Amino acid sequence: MAKARKYYTLLVMYSEEKPYRYCIEAGSYDMHEMQEEKQEYASKGHGVKIIRTSDKQADIDAEVSRLNANM
């Protein structure tokens, strides 16, 4: 069985008011690409985070939900 590829997702927090929530903004198998995107959003004052999961949407959604629930 093939090993799942690492997938990087850029999360952006647009709201300055509670409840704070991360939203999926972009995704890639290339971490460098996501780091460049992260810098762009951070320079505009947004909260940003890169997560690493499998490339399955259900896994990405579950991690975003977990992060938002712990805020």
PDB file of N, CA and C in Angstrom:
ATOM      1  N   MET A   1       0.846  -1.183   0.000  1.00  0.00           N
ATOM      2  CA  MET A   1       0.000   0.000   0.000  1.00  0.00           C
ATOM      3  C   MET A   1       0.887   1.241   0.000  1.00  0.00           C
ATOM      4  N   ALA A   2       0.558   2.195  -0.828  1.00  0.00           N
ATOM      5  CA  ALA A   2       1.357   3.418  -0.939  1.00  0.00           C
ATOM      6  C   ALA A   2       1.155   4.309   0.277  1.00  0.00           C
ATOM      7  N   LYS A   3       2.231   4.937   0.674  1.00  0.00           N
ATOM      8  CA  LYS A   3       2.176   5.862   1.803  1.00  0.00           C
ATOM      9  C   LYS A   3       1.510   7.163   1.368  1.00  0.00           C
ATOM     10  N   ALA A   4       0.639   7.701   2.210  1.00  0.00           N
ATOM     11  CA  ALA A   4      -0.058   8.953   1.888  1.00  0.00           C
ATOM     12  C   ALA A   4       0.938  10.102   1.827  1.00  0.00           C
ATOM     13  N   ARG A   5       0.752  10.968   0.849  1.00  0.00           N
ATOM     14  CA  ARG A   5       1.606  12.144   0.720  1.00  0.00           C
ATOM     15  C   ARG A   5       1.197  13.190   1.750  1.00  0.00           C
ATOM     16  N   LYS A   6       2.178  13.927   2.222  1.00  0.00           N
ATOM     17  CA  LYS A   6       1.900  15.025   3.144  1.00  0.00           C
ATOM     18  C   LYS A   6       1.275  16.168   2.356  1.00  0.00           C
ATOM     19  N   TYR A   7       0.232  16.747   2.935  1.00  0.00           N
ATOM     20  CA  TYR A   7      -0.466  17.853   2.287  1.00  0.00           C
ATOM     21  C   TYR A   7      -0.500  19.018   3.268  1.00  0.00           C
ATOM     22  N   TYR A   8      -0.189  20.188   2.778  1.00  0.00           N
ATOM     23  CA  TYR A   8      -0.109  21.388   3.611  1.00  0.00           C
ATOM     24  C   TYR A   8      -1.266  22.310   3.277  1.00  0.00           C
ATOM     25  N   THR A   9      -1.939  22.779   4.315  1.00  0.00           N
ATOM     26  CA  THR A   9      -3.092  23.649   4.136  1.00  0.00           C
ATOM     27  C   THR A   9      -2.856  24.940   4.893  1.00  0.00           C
ATOM     28  N   LEU A  10      -3.060  26.056   4.208  1.00  0.00           N
ATOM     29  CA  LEU A  10      -2.941  27.374   4.821  1.00  0.00           C
ATOM     30  C   LEU A  10      -4.286  27.760   5.399  1.00  0.00           C
ATOM     31  N   LEU A  11      -4.280  28.085   6.684  1.00  0.00           N
ATOM     32  CA  LEU A  11      -5.482  28.541   7.370  1.00  0.00           C
ATOM     33  C   LEU A  11      -5.314  30.019   7.686  1.00  0.00           C
ATOM     34  N   VAL A  12      -6.369  30.778   7.479  1.00  0.00           N
ATOM     35  CA  VAL A  12      -6.330  32.216   7.725  1.00  0.00           C
ATOM     36  C   VAL A  12      -7.472  32.587   8.653  1.00  0.00           C
ATOM     37  N   MET A  13      -7.163  33.444   9.623  1.00  0.00           N
ATOM     38  CA  MET A  13      -8.167  33.959  10.532  1.00  0.00           C
ATOM     39  C   MET A  13      -8.460  35.394  10.108  1.00  0.00           C
ATOM     40  N   TYR A  14      -9.635  35.613   9.545  1.00  0.00           N
ATOM     41  CA  TYR A  14      -9.994  36.937   9.056  1.00  0.00           C
ATOM     42  C   TYR A  14     -10.630  37.801  10.137  1.00  0.00           C
ATOM     43  N   SER A  15     -11.305  37.199  11.073  1.00  0.00           N
ATOM     44  CA  SER A  15     -12.048  37.948  12.083  1.00  0.00           C
ATOM     45  C   SER A  15     -11.147  38.399  13.226  1.00  0.00           C
ATOM     46  N   GLU A  16     -11.312  39.622  13.625  1.00  0.00           N
ATOM     47  CA  GLU A  16     -10.591  40.137  14.790  1.00  0.00           C
ATOM     48  C   GLU A  16     -11.448  39.987  16.046  1.00  0.00           C
ATOM     49  N   GLU A  17     -12.677  39.559  15.887  1.00  0.00           N
ATOM     50  CA  GLU A  17     -13.597  39.419  17.006  1.00  0.00           C
ATOM     51  C   GLU A  17     -13.875  37.946  17.275  1.00  0.00           C
ATOM     52  N   LYS A  18     -14.204  37.650  18.527  1.00  0.00           N
ATOM     53  CA  LYS A  18     -14.551  36.276  18.874  1.00  0.00           C
ATOM     54  C   LYS A  18     -15.914  35.949  18.309  1.00  0.00           C
ATOM     55  N   PRO A  19     -16.217  34.744  17.916  1.00  0.00           N
ATOM     56  CA  PRO A  19     -15.313  33.612  18.039  1.00  0.00           C
ATOM     57  C   PRO A  19     -14.280  33.610  16.902  1.00  0.00           C
ATOM     58  N   TYR A  20     -13.035  33.448  17.287  1.00  0.00           N
ATOM     59  CA  TYR A  20     -11.968  33.360  16.295  1.00  0.00           C
ATOM     60  C   TYR A  20     -12.122  32.033  15.560  1.00  0.00           C
ATOM     61  N   ARG A  21     -11.940  32.068  14.253  1.00  0.00           N
ATOM     62  CA  ARG A  21     -12.074  30.850  13.467  1.00  0.00           C
ATOM     63  C   ARG A  21     -11.082  30.877  12.322  1.00  0.00           C
ATOM     64  N   TYR A  22     -10.427  29.755  12.142  1.00  0.00           N
ATOM     65  CA  TYR A  22      -9.562  29.583  10.978  1.00  0.00           C
ATOM     66  C   TYR A  22     -10.410  29.123   9.797  1.00  0.00           C
ATOM     67  N   CYS A  23     -10.092  29.634   8.626  1.00  0.00           N
ATOM     68  CA  CYS A  23     -10.738  29.234   7.378  1.00  0.00           C
ATOM     69  C   CYS A  23      -9.668  28.695   6.445  1.00  0.00           C
ATOM     70  N   ILE A  24     -10.023  27.700   5.657  1.00  0.00           N
ATOM     71  CA  ILE A  24      -9.100  27.146   4.674  1.00  0.00           C
ATOM     72  C   ILE A  24      -8.944  28.150   3.540  1.00  0.00           C
ATOM     73  N   GLU A  25      -7.708  28.501   3.253  1.00  0.00           N
ATOM     74  CA  GLU A  25      -7.440  29.470   2.195  1.00  0.00           C
ATOM     75  C   GLU A  25      -6.765  28.829   0.985  1.00  0.00           C
ATOM     76  N   ALA A  26      -5.825  27.923   1.214  1.00  0.00           N
ATOM     77  CA  ALA A  26      -5.081  27.316   0.109  1.00  0.00           C
ATOM     78  C   ALA A  26      -4.479  26.000   0.584  1.00  0.00           C
ATOM     79  N   GLY A  27      -4.090  25.169  -0.374  1.00  0.00           N
ATOM     80  CA  GLY A  27      -3.452  23.904  -0.035  1.00  0.00           C
ATOM     81  C   GLY A  27      -2.493  23.483  -1.125  1.00  0.00           C
ATOM     82  N   SER A  28      -1.476  22.694  -0.721  1.00  0.00           N
ATOM     83  CA  SER A  28      -0.461  22.259  -1.676  1.00  0.00           C
ATOM     84  C   SER A  28       0.348  21.114  -1.075  1.00  0.00           C
ATOM     85  N   TYR A  29       0.966  20.335  -1.945  1.00  0.00           N
ATOM     86  CA  TYR A  29       1.930  19.337  -1.492  1.00  0.00           C
ATOM     87  C   TYR A  29       3.288  19.988  -1.246  1.00  0.00           C
ATOM     88  N   ASP A  30       3.443  21.235  -1.624  1.00  0.00           N
ATOM     89  CA  ASP A  30       4.713  21.967  -1.524  1.00  0.00           C
ATOM     90  C   ASP A  30       4.689  22.928  -0.334  1.00  0.00           C
ATOM     91  N   MET A  31       5.437  22.601   0.712  1.00  0.00           N
ATOM     92  CA  MET A  31       5.473  23.427   1.921  1.00  0.00           C
ATOM     93  C   MET A  31       5.992  24.834   1.623  1.00  0.00           C
ATOM     94  N   HIS A  32       6.978  24.942   0.739  1.00  0.00           N
ATOM     95  CA  HIS A  32       7.541  26.257   0.403  1.00  0.00           C
ATOM     96  C   HIS A  32       6.460  27.172  -0.174  1.00  0.00           C
ATOM     97  N   GLU A  33       5.624  26.627  -1.018  1.00  0.00           N
ATOM     98  CA  GLU A  33       4.532  27.410  -1.603  1.00  0.00           C
ATOM     99  C   GLU A  33       3.596  27.940  -0.517  1.00  0.00           C
ATOM    100  N   MET A  34       3.275  27.094   0.453  1.00  0.00           N
ATOM    101  CA  MET A  34       2.379  27.520   1.535  1.00  0.00           C
ATOM    102  C   MET A  34       3.052  28.555   2.436  1.00  0.00           C
ATOM    103  N   GLN A  35       4.362  28.437   2.633  1.00  0.00           N
ATOM    104  CA  GLN A  35       5.080  29.427   3.440  1.00  0.00           C
ATOM    105  C   GLN A  35       5.054  30.799   2.777  1.00  0.00           C
ATOM    106  N   GLU A  36       5.170  30.833   1.451  1.00  0.00           N
ATOM    107  CA  GLU A  36       5.086  32.104   0.736  1.00  0.00           C
ATOM    108  C   GLU A  36       3.699  32.720   0.877  1.00  0.00           C
ATOM    109  N   GLU A  37       2.669  31.894   0.737  1.00  0.00           N
ATOM    110  CA  GLU A  37       1.295  32.371   0.909  1.00  0.00           C
ATOM    111  C   GLU A  37       1.085  32.873   2.336  1.00  0.00           C
ATOM    112  N   LYS A  38       1.631  32.143   3.300  1.00  0.00           N
ATOM    113  CA  LYS A  38       1.489  32.523   4.706  1.00  0.00           C
ATOM    114  C   LYS A  38       2.070  33.906   4.950  1.00  0.00           C
ATOM    115  N   GLN A  39       3.233  34.182   4.400  1.00  0.00           N
ATOM    116  CA  GLN A  39       3.862  35.488   4.581  1.00  0.00           C
ATOM    117  C   GLN A  39       2.993  36.597   4.000  1.00  0.00           C
ATOM    118  N   GLU A  40       2.387  36.332   2.864  1.00  0.00           N
ATOM    119  CA  GLU A  40       1.534  37.334   2.221  1.00  0.00           C
ATOM    120  C   GLU A  40       0.357  37.709   3.124  1.00  0.00           C
ATOM    121  N   TYR A  41      -0.330  36.704   3.678  1.00  0.00           N
ATOM    122  CA  TYR A  41      -1.478  36.974   4.538  1.00  0.00           C
ATOM    123  C   TYR A  41      -1.046  37.581   5.868  1.00  0.00           C
ATOM    124  N   ALA A  42       0.052  37.125   6.413  1.00  0.00           N
ATOM    125  CA  ALA A  42       0.544  37.664   7.683  1.00  0.00           C
ATOM    126  C   ALA A  42       0.908  39.142   7.535  1.00  0.00           C
ATOM    127  N   SER A  43       1.451  39.511   6.384  1.00  0.00           N
ATOM    128  CA  SER A  43       1.828  40.911   6.165  1.00  0.00           C
ATOM    129  C   SER A  43       0.607  41.828   6.122  1.00  0.00           C
ATOM    130  N   LYS A  44      -0.572  41.253   5.892  1.00  0.00           N
ATOM    131  CA  LYS A  44      -1.819  42.022   5.886  1.00  0.00           C
ATOM    132  C   LYS A  44      -2.480  42.025   7.259  1.00  0.00           C
ATOM    133  N   GLY A  45      -1.817  41.408   8.237  1.00  0.00           N
ATOM    134  CA  GLY A  45      -2.313  41.421   9.608  1.00  0.00           C
ATOM    135  C   GLY A  45      -3.238  40.286   9.982  1.00  0.00           C
ATOM    136  N   HIS A  46      -3.377  39.302   9.129  1.00  0.00           N
ATOM    137  CA  HIS A  46      -4.245  38.169   9.434  1.00  0.00           C
ATOM    138  C   HIS A  46      -3.494  37.128  10.261  1.00  0.00           C
ATOM    139  N   GLY A  47      -4.234  36.435  11.117  1.00  0.00           N
ATOM    140  CA  GLY A  47      -3.673  35.286  11.800  1.00  0.00           C
ATOM    141  C   GLY A  47      -3.563  34.152  10.795  1.00  0.00           C
ATOM    142  N   VAL A  48      -2.441  33.467  10.764  1.00  0.00           N
ATOM    143  CA  VAL A  48      -2.229  32.397   9.794  1.00  0.00           C
ATOM    144  C   VAL A  48      -1.594  31.184  10.446  1.00  0.00           C
ATOM    145  N   LYS A  49      -1.855  30.044   9.845  1.00  0.00           N
ATOM    146  CA  LYS A  49      -1.295  28.785  10.349  1.00  0.00           C
ATOM    147  C   LYS A  49      -1.242  27.815   9.183  1.00  0.00           C
ATOM    148  N   ILE A  50      -0.209  26.994   9.147  1.00  0.00           N
ATOM    149  CA  ILE A  50      -0.109  25.922   8.164  1.00  0.00           C
ATOM    150  C   ILE A  50      -0.252  24.603   8.912  1.00  0.00           C
ATOM    151  N   ILE A  51      -1.143  23.752   8.418  1.00  0.00           N
ATOM    152  CA  ILE A  51      -1.297  22.427   9.010  1.00  0.00           C
ATOM    153  C   ILE A  51      -0.841  21.385   8.003  1.00  0.00           C
ATOM    154  N   ARG A  52      -0.439  20.227   8.512  1.00  0.00           N
ATOM    155  CA  ARG A  52      -0.013  19.113   7.666  1.00  0.00           C
ATOM    156  C   ARG A  52      -0.928  17.930   7.952  1.00  0.00           C
ATOM    157  N   THR A  53      -1.533  17.417   6.903  1.00  0.00           N
ATOM    158  CA  THR A  53      -2.436  16.276   7.014  1.00  0.00           C
ATOM    159  C   THR A  53      -2.255  15.409   5.774  1.00  0.00           C
ATOM    160  N   SER A  54      -3.141  14.429   5.631  1.00  0.00           N
ATOM    161  CA  SER A  54      -3.223  13.728   4.350  1.00  0.00           C
ATOM    162  C   SER A  54      -3.940  14.665   3.384  1.00  0.00           C
ATOM    163  N   ASP A  55      -4.062  14.264   2.142  1.00  0.00           N
ATOM    164  CA  ASP A  55      -4.743  15.120   1.172  1.00  0.00           C
ATOM    165  C   ASP A  55      -6.244  14.870   1.121  1.00  0.00           C
ATOM    166  N   LYS A  56      -6.766  14.088   2.036  1.00  0.00           N
ATOM    167  CA  LYS A  56      -8.199  13.815   2.081  1.00  0.00           C
ATOM    168  C   LYS A  56      -8.926  14.983   2.745  1.00  0.00           C
ATOM    169  N   GLN A  57      -9.964  15.480   2.077  1.00  0.00           N
ATOM    170  CA  GLN A  57     -10.690  16.641   2.581  1.00  0.00           C
ATOM    171  C   GLN A  57     -11.238  16.392   3.985  1.00  0.00           C
ATOM    172  N   ALA A  58     -11.688  15.180   4.260  1.00  0.00           N
ATOM    173  CA  ALA A  58     -12.224  14.862   5.586  1.00  0.00           C
ATOM    174  C   ALA A  58     -11.165  15.038   6.666  1.00  0.00           C
ATOM    175  N   ASP A  59      -9.914  14.677   6.389  1.00  0.00           N
ATOM    176  CA  ASP A  59      -8.827  14.843   7.359  1.00  0.00           C
ATOM    177  C   ASP A  59      -8.518  16.325   7.582  1.00  0.00           C
ATOM    178  N   ILE A  60      -8.526  17.087   6.502  1.00  0.00           N
ATOM    179  CA  ILE A  60      -8.260  18.530   6.609  1.00  0.00           C
ATOM    180  C   ILE A  60      -9.371  19.194   7.420  1.00  0.00           C
ATOM    181  N   ASP A  61     -10.621  18.896   7.076  1.00  0.00           N
ATOM    182  CA  ASP A  61     -11.757  19.479   7.787  1.00  0.00           C
ATOM    183  C   ASP A  61     -11.744  19.123   9.271  1.00  0.00           C
ATOM    184  N   ALA A  62     -11.390  17.890   9.588  1.00  0.00           N
ATOM    185  CA  ALA A  62     -11.348  17.457  10.986  1.00  0.00           C
ATOM    186  C   ALA A  62     -10.292  18.237  11.768  1.00  0.00           C
ATOM    187  N   GLU A  63      -9.136  18.475  11.169  1.00  0.00           N
ATOM    188  CA  GLU A  63      -8.074  19.220  11.853  1.00  0.00           C
ATOM    189  C   GLU A  63      -8.466  20.683  12.044  1.00  0.00           C
ATOM    190  N   VAL A  64      -9.100  21.275  11.035  1.00  0.00           N
ATOM    191  CA  VAL A  64      -9.557  22.666  11.160  1.00  0.00           C
ATOM    192  C   VAL A  64     -10.610  22.762  12.264  1.00  0.00           C
ATOM    193  N   SER A  65     -11.520  21.824  12.301  1.00  0.00           N
ATOM    194  CA  SER A  65     -12.549  21.813  13.355  1.00  0.00           C
ATOM    195  C   SER A  65     -11.932  21.672  14.734  1.00  0.00           C
ATOM    196  N   ARG A  66     -10.925  20.801  14.842  1.00  0.00           N
ATOM    197  CA  ARG A  66     -10.239  20.618  16.131  1.00  0.00           C
ATOM    198  C   ARG A  66      -9.575  21.906  16.578  1.00  0.00           C
ATOM    199  N   LEU A  67      -8.893  22.568  15.664  1.00  0.00           N
ATOM    200  CA  LEU A  67      -8.217  23.832  16.004  1.00  0.00           C
ATOM    201  C   LEU A  67      -9.228  24.895  16.423  1.00  0.00           C
ATOM    202  N   ASN A  68     -10.312  25.021  15.680  1.00  0.00           N
ATOM    203  CA  ASN A  68     -11.313  26.033  16.002  1.00  0.00           C
ATOM    204  C   ASN A  68     -12.010  25.741  17.321  1.00  0.00           C
ATOM    205  N   ALA A  69     -12.198  24.471  17.643  1.00  0.00           N
ATOM    206  CA  ALA A  69     -12.853  24.108  18.903  1.00  0.00           C
ATOM    207  C   ALA A  69     -11.973  24.422  20.109  1.00  0.00           C
ATOM    208  N   ASN A  70     -10.661  24.454  19.912  1.00  0.00           N
ATOM    209  CA  ASN A  70      -9.722  24.692  21.017  1.00  0.00           C
ATOM    210  C   ASN A  70      -9.319  26.152  21.167  1.00  0.00           C
ATOM    211  N   MET A  71     -10.029  27.041  20.482  1.00  0.00           N
ATOM    212  CA  MET A  71      -9.672  28.456  20.566  1.00  0.00           C
ATOM    213  C   MET A  71     -10.428  29.124  21.691  1.00  0.00           C
TER     214      MET A  71
END
